[in-house]
Protein backbone atom coordinates (compact mmCIF):
# COMPACT_ATOMS: atom_id res chain seq x y z
CA UNK A 1 0.00 -0.10 -0.19
CA UNK A 2 1.13 3.56 -0.83
CA UNK A 3 0.29 6.37 1.24
CA UNK A 4 0.16 9.83 -0.17
CA UNK A 5 -0.59 13.07 2.14
CA UNK A 6 -0.82 16.47 0.45
CA UNK A 7 -2.97 19.64 0.41
CA UNK A 8 -5.44 20.61 -2.38
CA UNK A 9 -6.45 24.37 -2.84
CA UNK A 10 -9.76 25.05 -3.58
CA UNK A 11 -11.26 28.62 -3.77
CA UNK A 12 -8.95 30.10 -1.14
CA UNK A 13 -8.81 27.26 1.17
CA UNK A 14 -6.69 24.30 1.71
CA UNK A 15 -7.89 20.64 2.33
CA UNK A 16 -5.58 17.90 3.56
CA UNK A 17 -6.01 14.87 1.73
CA UNK A 18 -4.69 11.49 2.37
CA UNK A 19 -4.67 8.84 -0.60
CA UNK A 20 -4.31 5.12 -0.06
CA UNK A 21 -3.26 3.16 -3.22
CA UNK A 22 -3.10 -0.78 -3.37
CA UNK A 23 0.15 -2.18 -4.22
CA UNK A 24 0.35 -2.94 -7.89
CA UNK A 25 -2.14 -0.20 -8.80
CA UNK A 26 -1.66 1.26 -12.24
CA UNK A 27 -3.09 4.72 -11.08
CA UNK A 28 -5.20 4.80 -13.97
CA UNK A 29 -7.33 8.02 -13.42
CA UNK A 30 -10.47 6.23 -14.81
CA UNK A 31 -10.26 3.55 -11.85
CA UNK A 32 -13.10 4.20 -9.29
CA UNK A 33 -11.89 5.78 -5.77
CA UNK A 34 -13.72 5.59 -2.70
CA UNK A 35 -14.02 8.79 -0.94
CA UNK A 36 -14.39 8.81 2.88
CA UNK A 37 -16.36 11.36 4.75
CA UNK A 38 -15.71 11.76 8.41
CA UNK A 39 -18.20 12.55 11.27
CA UNK A 40 -18.80 15.82 12.79
CA UNK A 41 -16.03 15.61 15.28
CA UNK A 42 -13.67 13.72 12.88
CA UNK A 43 -10.80 13.81 10.73
CA UNK A 44 -8.52 11.73 8.44
CA UNK A 45 -6.80 10.21 11.47
CA UNK A 46 -9.73 9.58 13.46
CA UNK A 47 -10.87 6.94 11.00
CA UNK A 48 -8.20 4.59 12.55
CA UNK A 49 -6.96 1.67 10.43
CA UNK A 50 -10.47 1.17 8.87
CA UNK A 51 -9.42 2.64 5.46
CA UNK A 52 -6.29 0.34 5.38
CA UNK A 53 -8.50 -2.70 6.50
CA UNK A 54 -11.08 -1.62 3.58
CA UNK A 55 -8.33 -1.40 0.93
CA UNK A 56 -6.82 -4.80 1.93
CA UNK A 57 -10.14 -6.19 1.73
CA UNK A 58 -11.55 -4.29 -1.52
CA UNK A 59 -8.56 -3.70 -3.54
CA UNK A 60 -9.72 -0.03 -4.25
CA UNK A 61 -7.98 3.29 -3.87
CA UNK A 62 -8.98 5.40 -1.17
CA UNK A 63 -9.11 9.33 -0.73
CA UNK A 64 -9.78 10.70 2.74
CA UNK A 65 -9.78 14.49 3.55
CA UNK A 66 -10.29 16.67 6.65
CA UNK A 67 -13.48 18.63 5.91
CA UNK A 68 -13.35 22.42 6.13
CA UNK A 69 -12.73 23.54 9.72
CA UNK A 70 -11.41 20.16 10.83
CA UNK A 71 -7.78 18.49 11.39
CA UNK A 72 -5.14 20.16 9.16
CA UNK A 73 -7.57 21.78 6.73
CA UNK A 74 -8.26 25.45 6.72
CA UNK A 75 -10.34 27.00 9.70
CA UNK A 76 -13.96 27.34 9.02
CA UNK A 77 -15.18 30.95 9.13
CA UNK A 78 -18.46 32.09 10.44
CA UNK A 79 -21.29 30.34 12.30
CA UNK A 80 -22.99 27.31 10.72
CA UNK A 81 -26.41 27.73 9.55
CA UNK A 82 -29.28 25.25 8.62
CA UNK A 83 -27.64 24.54 5.38
CA UNK A 84 -24.26 24.08 6.30
CA UNK A 85 -23.70 20.42 5.23
CA UNK A 86 -25.41 21.40 1.84
CA UNK A 87 -22.47 24.08 1.65
CA UNK A 88 -20.01 21.53 2.51
CA UNK A 89 -21.40 19.49 -0.37
CA UNK A 90 -20.42 22.08 -3.00
CA UNK A 91 -16.84 21.91 -1.66
CA UNK A 92 -16.90 18.12 -2.22
CA UNK A 93 -18.07 18.93 -5.68
CA UNK A 94 -15.03 21.17 -6.25
CA UNK A 95 -12.63 18.73 -4.79
CA UNK A 96 -13.82 15.82 -6.94
CA UNK A 97 -13.50 18.09 -10.03
CA UNK A 98 -9.87 19.50 -8.80
CA UNK A 99 -8.77 15.97 -8.74
CA UNK A 100 -10.44 14.91 -11.89
CA UNK A 101 -12.20 11.79 -10.43
CA UNK A 102 -13.96 10.25 -13.24
CA UNK A 103 -15.91 7.50 -11.15
CA UNK A 104 -16.10 7.11 -7.32
CA UNK A 105 -17.93 5.78 -4.30
CA UNK A 106 -18.80 7.55 -1.34
CA UNK A 107 -18.46 6.21 2.49
CA UNK A 108 -19.80 8.57 5.04
CA UNK A 109 -20.18 8.10 8.67
CA UNK A 110 -22.78 10.13 10.81
CA UNK A 111 -22.60 13.67 9.59
CA UNK A 112 -20.45 12.47 6.70
CA UNK A 113 -23.12 10.13 5.72
CA UNK A 114 -25.71 13.05 5.59
CA UNK A 115 -23.21 14.72 3.22
CA UNK A 116 -23.00 11.50 0.94
CA UNK A 117 -26.66 11.50 0.78
CA UNK A 118 -26.99 14.97 -0.33
CA UNK A 119 -24.24 14.73 -2.69
CA UNK A 120 -25.86 11.75 -4.67
CA UNK A 121 -28.99 13.47 -4.53
CA UNK A 122 -27.33 16.01 -7.09
CA UNK A 123 -27.11 12.98 -9.53
CA UNK A 124 -23.37 13.58 -10.31
CA UNK A 125 -22.17 11.89 -13.39
CA UNK A 126 -19.05 9.78 -11.74
CA UNK A 127 -20.86 8.50 -8.48
CA UNK A 128 -21.28 4.72 -8.44
CA UNK A 129 -22.69 3.88 -5.27
CA UNK A 130 -23.24 5.36 -1.52
CA UNK A 131 -22.45 3.68 1.69
CA UNK A 132 -23.49 5.39 5.23
CA UNK A 133 -22.52 4.23 8.61
CA UNK A 134 -25.07 5.98 10.94
CA UNK A 135 -25.85 8.77 8.69
CA UNK A 136 -28.16 11.68 9.93
CA UNK A 137 -31.12 11.85 7.79
CA UNK A 138 -33.41 14.14 10.23
CA UNK A 139 -33.00 16.22 13.44
CA UNK A 140 -34.85 14.25 16.39
CA UNK A 141 -35.55 14.89 20.14
CA UNK A 142 -33.39 11.80 21.40
CA UNK A 143 -30.00 13.49 19.73
CA UNK A 144 -29.96 16.72 22.12
CA UNK A 145 -29.69 14.67 25.48
CA UNK A 146 -26.81 12.43 23.65
CA UNK A 147 -24.92 15.44 22.76
CA UNK A 148 -25.06 17.16 26.15
CA UNK A 149 -23.78 14.16 27.64
CA UNK A 150 -20.82 14.38 25.23
CA UNK A 151 -20.64 18.18 26.29
CA UNK A 152 -20.27 17.41 29.95
CA UNK A 153 -17.60 15.03 29.30
CA UNK A 154 -15.71 17.75 27.06
CA UNK A 155 -15.95 20.32 29.67
CA UNK A 156 -14.88 18.19 32.80
CA UNK A 157 -11.43 19.04 34.23
CA UNK A 158 -8.54 17.37 32.56
CA UNK A 159 -11.09 15.95 29.89
CA UNK A 160 -9.86 12.85 28.35
CA UNK A 161 -12.10 13.56 25.48
CA UNK A 162 -11.02 16.77 24.95
CA UNK A 163 -7.38 15.69 25.10
CA UNK A 164 -8.35 13.16 22.55
CA UNK A 165 -9.83 15.38 20.20
CA UNK A 166 -6.70 17.79 20.69
CA UNK A 167 -4.40 15.26 19.05
CA UNK A 168 -6.43 15.72 15.49
CA UNK A 169 -7.67 19.24 15.79
CA UNK A 170 -4.78 20.96 17.87
CA UNK A 171 -5.54 24.61 18.88
CA UNK A 172 -8.94 24.51 16.81
CA UNK A 173 -10.38 21.73 19.05
CA UNK A 174 -12.93 24.26 20.76
CA UNK A 175 -14.17 25.48 17.63
CA UNK A 176 -14.46 22.01 16.11
CA UNK A 177 -16.40 20.59 19.37
CA UNK A 178 -18.73 23.68 19.90
CA UNK A 179 -19.56 23.85 16.17
CA UNK A 180 -20.72 20.51 16.20
CA UNK A 181 -22.44 20.63 19.78
CA UNK A 182 -24.04 24.20 19.45
CA UNK A 183 -25.43 23.51 16.08
CA UNK A 184 -27.21 20.29 16.52
CA UNK A 185 -28.69 21.19 19.76
CA UNK A 186 -29.95 24.68 18.62
CA UNK A 187 -33.53 25.70 18.23
CA UNK A 188 -32.99 26.59 14.63
CA UNK A 189 -31.81 23.25 13.73
CA UNK A 190 -34.77 21.07 15.04
CA UNK A 191 -36.51 21.63 11.47
CA UNK A 192 -33.38 19.90 9.64
CA UNK A 193 -33.65 17.08 7.61
CA UNK A 194 -32.67 15.70 4.06
CA UNK A 195 -35.91 13.90 3.41
CA UNK A 196 -36.36 15.74 -0.06
CA UNK A 197 -32.69 14.62 -0.95
CA UNK A 198 -33.30 11.17 -0.17
CA UNK A 199 -36.27 10.90 -2.61
CA UNK A 200 -34.28 12.20 -5.77
CA UNK A 201 -31.27 9.54 -5.00
CA UNK A 202 -30.72 7.27 -8.03
CA UNK A 203 -27.58 5.45 -7.22
CA UNK A 204 -27.79 2.20 -5.15
CA UNK A 205 -27.38 2.90 -1.35
CA UNK A 206 -25.91 0.62 1.51
CA UNK A 207 -27.04 1.89 4.83
CA UNK A 208 -25.93 0.58 8.48
CA UNK A 209 -27.27 1.58 11.69
CA UNK A 210 -26.57 0.07 15.21
CA UNK A 211 -29.51 -0.80 17.66
CA UNK A 212 -27.46 0.76 20.18
CA UNK A 213 -26.56 4.01 18.78
CA UNK A 214 -26.10 6.54 21.72
CA UNK A 215 -27.20 9.65 19.48
CA UNK A 216 -30.26 8.48 17.31
CA UNK A 217 -32.96 6.29 16.68
CA UNK A 218 -33.78 3.84 13.79
CA UNK A 219 -35.95 6.51 12.38
CA UNK A 220 -32.64 7.78 10.75
CA UNK A 221 -32.17 4.71 8.57
CA UNK A 222 -35.87 4.10 8.09
CA UNK A 223 -35.95 7.27 6.10
CA UNK A 224 -33.36 5.80 3.91
CA UNK A 225 -35.44 2.54 3.48
CA UNK A 226 -38.66 4.38 3.08
CA UNK A 227 -37.73 7.31 0.64
CA UNK A 228 -34.91 6.25 -1.27
CA UNK A 229 -36.44 4.83 -4.46
CA UNK A 230 -33.15 3.30 -5.87
CA UNK A 231 -31.78 0.05 -5.12
CA UNK A 232 -31.07 0.03 -1.33
CA UNK A 233 -29.53 -2.45 1.30
CA UNK A 234 -30.35 -1.89 4.86
CA UNK A 235 -28.41 -3.36 7.90
CA UNK A 236 -29.29 -3.15 11.60
CA UNK A 237 -26.56 -4.36 13.82
CA UNK A 238 -27.02 -5.80 16.98
CA UNK A 239 -24.55 -4.83 19.85
CA UNK A 240 -23.61 -1.58 17.72
CA UNK A 241 -23.22 1.82 18.75
CA UNK A 242 -22.98 4.91 16.44
CA UNK A 243 -19.54 3.47 15.14
CA UNK A 244 -20.41 0.27 13.09
CA UNK A 245 -17.15 0.12 11.42
CA UNK A 246 -15.45 0.10 14.99
CA UNK A 247 -18.00 -2.21 16.63
CA UNK A 248 -18.00 -4.76 13.98
CA UNK A 249 -15.36 -4.03 11.35
CA UNK A 250 -15.13 -7.53 9.79
CA UNK A 251 -18.95 -7.88 9.19
CA UNK A 252 -19.36 -4.23 8.01
CA UNK A 253 -16.34 -4.71 5.42
CA UNK A 254 -17.73 -8.13 4.16
CA UNK A 255 -20.78 -6.47 3.46
CA UNK A 256 -19.45 -3.47 1.83
CA UNK A 257 -17.22 -5.85 -0.30
CA UNK A 258 -20.35 -7.72 -1.47
CA UNK A 259 -21.95 -4.52 -2.09
CA UNK A 260 -19.42 -2.91 -4.21
CA UNK A 261 -19.07 -6.13 -6.35
CA UNK A 262 -22.69 -6.21 -7.15
CA UNK A 263 -23.63 -5.08 -10.74
């Protein structure tokens, strides 16, 4: 496996990217790439070894990047609005164009899954399939209590959570945390959902959700089941939290490998 880290310049901002390329790959730009989209507190590094495990099993090149405001990418400016994930989708499109990716899959976790689904609704020519891990498809009442528990952990003296996030986000750690925490618990965000987008998706979708998700209910994945008219595959996992790829990596990878291989 070859690992390449670099920055991509887009409209005055810099996005940190990481490419993972299987040994022996001919680097043909026509070959499909799998783009990983991280969660609302995430970064390239916080995927841990899951991308490497994915590459070993699926033998496809992987592209990861720190979303705007996260990790090593440019800082985010201004407060988030109701449409902030939709604005990030425009940036994703710019990144795909800048890198001249002709065909690709999207694999998104949590908020990254929302981003993947919003992108799919735009009917981009090169998108082959979408894979979501605990994707958010609407705001719901149970999200706020879960996030407030995390807020308390973050604000504890000598918080282990804060120390862990600082390893990836450095001095902007507070900005990352409170942008996520304050947005998802704000009154204005209670109306957020991507149901209209789900109904416009025309590529196959593979969706995972854990029965023990600490933030959301199964309504999130039921929206995908009910509203996506394209081919879809739904997996509800027992003994599984908001992180299916960490709780059940081999099972998740086997299902993804089979999904990608289907025609």
